[in-house]
């Protein structure tokens, strides 16, 4: 799998987690729903960090190859 395909797949998963978060009913803090929303939000954050890192790596690889 290329870096571009991996980034695309991770961005697709990010979109799915946004949809999952949006589908959760509002819950009071400490309820199962609020816990679910917390974990979905955490996954979104981690995916975003991963995509950013992969894009940096891709940029670095592209620039190194051109040198």
C-alpha atoms as a PDB file:
ATOM      1  CA  UNK A   1       0.000   0.000   0.000  1.00  0.00           C
ATOM      2  CA  UNK A   2       1.349   3.418  -0.891  1.00  0.00           C
ATOM      3  CA  UNK A   3       1.472   6.321   1.560  1.00  0.00           C
ATOM      4  CA  UNK A   4      -1.201   8.122  -0.484  1.00  0.00           C
ATOM      5  CA  UNK A   5      -3.574   5.155  -0.275  1.00  0.00           C
ATOM      6  CA  UNK A   6      -2.914   4.797   3.446  1.00  0.00           C
ATOM      7  CA  UNK A   7      -3.604   8.496   4.035  1.00  0.00           C
ATOM      8  CA  UNK A   8      -6.822   8.256   2.020  1.00  0.00           C
ATOM      9  CA  UNK A   9      -7.963   5.207   3.979  1.00  0.00           C
ATOM     10  CA  UNK A  10      -7.226   6.909   7.312  1.00  0.00           C
ATOM     11  CA  UNK A  11      -9.093  10.030   6.183  1.00  0.00           C
ATOM     12  CA  UNK A  12     -12.062   7.817   5.265  1.00  0.00           C
ATOM     13  CA  UNK A  13     -11.960   6.287   8.741  1.00  0.00           C
ATOM     14  CA  UNK A  14     -11.815   9.795  10.241  1.00  0.00           C
ATOM     15  CA  UNK A  15     -15.016  10.609   8.364  1.00  0.00           C
ATOM     16  CA  UNK A  16     -16.694   7.483   9.676  1.00  0.00           C
ATOM     17  CA  UNK A  17     -15.765   8.390  13.251  1.00  0.00           C
ATOM     18  CA  UNK A  18     -17.212  11.892  12.736  1.00  0.00           C
ATOM     19  CA  UNK A  19     -20.435  10.285  11.557  1.00  0.00           C
ATOM     20  CA  UNK A  20     -20.421   7.928  14.557  1.00  0.00           C
ATOM     21  CA  UNK A  21     -19.916  10.842  16.945  1.00  0.00           C
ATOM     22  CA  UNK A  22     -22.731  12.792  15.304  1.00  0.00           C
ATOM     23  CA  UNK A  23     -25.097   9.826  15.607  1.00  0.00           C
ATOM     24  CA  UNK A  24     -24.587   9.500  19.368  1.00  0.00           C
ATOM     25  CA  UNK A  25     -27.436  10.915  21.406  1.00  0.00           C
ATOM     26  CA  UNK A  26     -26.418  13.601  23.863  1.00  0.00           C
ATOM     27  CA  UNK A  27     -25.586  12.019  27.197  1.00  0.00           C
ATOM     28  CA  UNK A  28     -24.881  13.319  30.626  1.00  0.00           C
ATOM     29  CA  UNK A  29     -21.283  13.189  31.820  1.00  0.00           C
ATOM     30  CA  UNK A  30     -20.539   9.799  33.322  1.00  0.00           C
ATOM     31  CA  UNK A  31     -23.114   7.914  31.274  1.00  0.00           C
ATOM     32  CA  UNK A  32     -22.349   5.181  28.769  1.00  0.00           C
ATOM     33  CA  UNK A  33     -23.153   7.599  25.941  1.00  0.00           C
ATOM     34  CA  UNK A  34     -20.700  10.237  27.154  1.00  0.00           C
ATOM     35  CA  UNK A  35     -18.045   7.531  27.499  1.00  0.00           C
ATOM     36  CA  UNK A  36     -18.720   6.390  23.932  1.00  0.00           C
ATOM     37  CA  UNK A  37     -18.462   9.948  22.638  1.00  0.00           C
ATOM     38  CA  UNK A  38     -15.188  10.407  24.537  1.00  0.00           C
ATOM     39  CA  UNK A  39     -13.650   7.320  22.946  1.00  0.00           C
ATOM     40  CA  UNK A  40     -14.868   8.236  19.468  1.00  0.00           C
ATOM     41  CA  UNK A  41     -13.400  11.718  19.899  1.00  0.00           C
ATOM     42  CA  UNK A  42     -10.107  10.220  21.080  1.00  0.00           C
ATOM     43  CA  UNK A  43      -9.940   7.986  17.997  1.00  0.00           C
ATOM     44  CA  UNK A  44     -10.600  11.015  15.775  1.00  0.00           C
ATOM     45  CA  UNK A  45      -7.735  12.902  17.414  1.00  0.00           C
ATOM     46  CA  UNK A  46      -5.326   9.979  17.068  1.00  0.00           C
ATOM     47  CA  UNK A  47      -6.251   9.434  13.414  1.00  0.00           C
ATOM     48  CA  UNK A  48      -5.738  13.118  12.686  1.00  0.00           C
ATOM     49  CA  UNK A  49      -2.278  13.023  14.292  1.00  0.00           C
ATOM     50  CA  UNK A  50      -1.388   9.934  12.282  1.00  0.00           C
ATOM     51  CA  UNK A  51      -2.500  11.508   8.997  1.00  0.00           C
ATOM     52  CA  UNK A  52      -0.478  14.643   9.756  1.00  0.00           C
ATOM     53  CA  UNK A  53       2.621  12.552  10.513  1.00  0.00           C
ATOM     54  CA  UNK A  54       2.212  10.511   7.337  1.00  0.00           C
ATOM     55  CA  UNK A  55       1.835  13.664   5.255  1.00  0.00           C
ATOM     56  CA  UNK A  56       5.015  15.062   6.832  1.00  0.00           C
ATOM     57  CA  UNK A  57       6.853  11.809   6.128  1.00  0.00           C
ATOM     58  CA  UNK A  58       5.606  11.787   2.543  1.00  0.00           C
ATOM     59  CA  UNK A  59       6.731  15.397   2.078  1.00  0.00           C
ATOM     60  CA  UNK A  60      10.129  14.562   3.571  1.00  0.00           C
ATOM     61  CA  UNK A  61      10.527  11.495   1.352  1.00  0.00           C
ATOM     62  CA  UNK A  62       9.546  13.488  -1.719  1.00  0.00           C
ATOM     63  CA  UNK A  63      12.025  16.246  -0.908  1.00  0.00           C
ATOM     64  CA  UNK A  64      14.815  13.789  -0.082  1.00  0.00           C
ATOM     65  CA  UNK A  65      14.261  11.956  -3.368  1.00  0.00           C
ATOM     66  CA  UNK A  66      14.479  15.230  -5.286  1.00  0.00           C
ATOM     67  CA  UNK A  67      17.824  16.187  -3.725  1.00  0.00           C
END
